[in-house]
Amino acid sequence: MFRLSKTDDDGATVFTVDGQLATEYTDVVEESCSSAAARGKRVRLHLRDVSAIDEAGHSLLRRLAKNGIEIRASGIYTSYIVQDLNGDKRAARNANACNGSNPHGAK
C-alpha cells in the first residue's frame, strides 16, 4: 500500500506519505517534491503512517534532504530515520565550520 497526498500549509507544499516508501513509489515522491520546489515553494515531506522504507526509499530521503526538502515523521521508526538524516546534515555543517567553509555563504 502507498498513498501520497498534497496540502498547502503556511506557505509550504506538504506531501504526506502513508504505507511503504519502496522502489516502485520513489519516482512519484521525488517528482512531486521536485516539481513543487521548482515552482519556488517551500516543500515538506511528512512520513505519517510509513510501515517500511527500502534502500531506494532511504536513498530518496537522503537526496531530498540534501536538496533542502524538510522531512518530518510520525512514529518511532520513521522518526528515527529522519533523526538520522538530520544528524547527517548537522555533521556536514559542523565539518564545514571546523574547516572554515560555510555552505550558506555567511561569515
Protein backbone atom coordinates (compact mmCIF):
# COMPACT_ATOMS: atom_id res chain seq x y z
CA MET A 1 0.00 0.00 0.00
CA PHE A 2 1.13 3.53 -0.76
CA ARG A 3 -0.62 6.87 -0.65
CA LEU A 4 0.79 10.33 -1.35
CA SER A 5 -1.35 13.33 -0.51
CA LYS A 6 -0.64 17.02 -1.00
CA THR A 7 -1.76 20.01 1.04
CA ASP A 8 -0.71 23.62 1.38
CA ASP A 9 0.21 24.72 4.87
CA ASP A 10 1.66 28.05 5.97
CA GLY A 11 3.16 28.88 2.58
CA ALA A 12 4.64 25.42 2.07
CA THR A 13 3.59 22.47 -0.02
CA VAL A 14 3.31 19.43 2.23
CA PHE A 15 3.40 15.91 0.81
CA THR A 16 2.31 13.16 3.18
CA VAL A 17 3.32 9.55 2.65
CA ASP A 18 1.36 6.64 4.09
CA GLY A 19 2.26 3.00 3.58
CA GLN A 20 5.59 1.80 2.21
CA LEU A 21 8.27 4.04 0.77
CA ALA A 22 9.59 1.44 -1.65
CA THR A 23 11.30 1.38 -5.04
CA GLU A 24 8.07 1.37 -7.03
CA TYR A 25 6.89 4.60 -5.35
CA THR A 26 10.05 6.69 -5.06
CA ASP A 27 9.76 8.27 -8.51
CA VAL A 28 6.34 9.78 -7.81
CA VAL A 29 7.52 11.20 -4.47
CA GLU A 30 10.69 12.65 -5.99
CA GLU A 31 8.88 14.14 -8.98
CA SER A 32 6.18 15.68 -6.77
CA CYS A 33 8.68 17.26 -4.37
CA SER A 34 10.99 18.46 -7.16
CA SER A 35 8.10 19.95 -9.12
CA ALA A 36 6.85 21.92 -6.12
CA ALA A 37 10.36 23.10 -5.26
CA ALA A 38 10.94 24.19 -8.87
CA ARG A 39 7.92 26.50 -8.54
CA GLY A 40 9.69 28.23 -5.67
CA LYS A 41 7.58 26.67 -2.92
CA ARG A 42 8.95 25.51 0.40
CA VAL A 43 8.44 21.76 0.46
CA ARG A 44 7.94 19.41 3.39
CA LEU A 45 7.65 15.66 3.22
CA HIS A 46 5.75 14.10 6.10
CA LEU A 47 6.20 10.38 6.69
CA ARG A 48 2.96 9.70 8.54
CA ASP A 49 2.00 6.03 8.61
CA VAL A 50 5.04 4.59 6.89
CA SER A 51 5.50 0.92 7.72
CA ALA A 52 8.66 0.20 5.71
CA ILE A 53 11.39 2.01 3.80
CA ASP A 54 13.60 0.05 1.42
CA GLU A 55 17.07 1.11 0.22
CA ALA A 56 15.62 3.11 -2.68
CA GLY A 57 13.40 4.94 -0.18
CA HIS A 58 16.39 5.69 2.06
CA SER A 59 18.34 6.99 -0.94
CA LEU A 60 15.40 9.18 -1.92
CA LEU A 61 15.16 10.67 1.57
CA ARG A 62 18.88 11.47 1.58
CA ARG A 63 18.61 13.18 -1.84
CA LEU A 64 15.54 15.18 -0.82
CA ALA A 65 17.15 16.29 2.45
CA LYS A 66 20.33 17.28 0.60
CA ASN A 67 18.20 19.36 -1.79
CA GLY A 68 16.55 21.30 1.02
CA ILE A 69 13.30 19.38 1.36
CA GLU A 70 12.25 19.37 5.00
CA ILE A 71 11.42 15.86 6.16
CA ARG A 72 9.23 15.16 9.17
CA ALA A 73 7.89 11.94 10.60
CA SER A 74 5.30 10.42 12.89
CA GLY A 75 6.05 7.19 14.70
CA ILE A 76 9.14 5.68 16.22
CA TYR A 77 10.56 4.00 13.11
CA THR A 78 10.28 6.95 10.75
CA SER A 79 11.25 9.47 13.43
CA TYR A 80 14.50 7.56 13.90
CA ILE A 81 15.14 7.63 10.13
CA VAL A 82 14.54 11.40 10.00
CA GLN A 83 16.68 11.99 13.07
CA ASP A 84 19.48 10.08 11.35
CA LEU A 85 19.08 12.24 8.21
CA ASN A 86 19.16 15.42 10.28
CA GLY A 87 22.23 14.14 12.11
CA ASP A 88 23.98 13.74 8.74
CA LYS A 89 23.16 17.37 7.85
CA ARG A 90 24.39 18.61 11.25
CA ALA A 91 27.60 16.61 10.89
CA ALA A 92 28.23 18.15 7.47
CA ARG A 93 27.60 21.67 8.83
CA ASN A 94 29.92 21.02 11.77
CA ALA A 95 32.66 19.70 9.46
CA ASN A 96 32.32 22.77 7.25
CA ALA A 97 32.52 25.04 10.30
CA CYS A 98 35.67 23.25 11.52
CA ASN A 99 37.47 23.57 8.21
CA GLY A 100 36.45 27.20 7.73
CA SER A 101 33.98 26.76 4.87
CA ASN A 102 30.36 27.78 5.11
CA PRO A 103 27.89 26.37 2.58
CA HIS A 104 25.45 29.20 3.26
CA GLY A 105 27.85 31.99 2.38
CA ALA A 106 27.66 33.66 5.80
CA LYS A 107 30.79 34.91 7.53
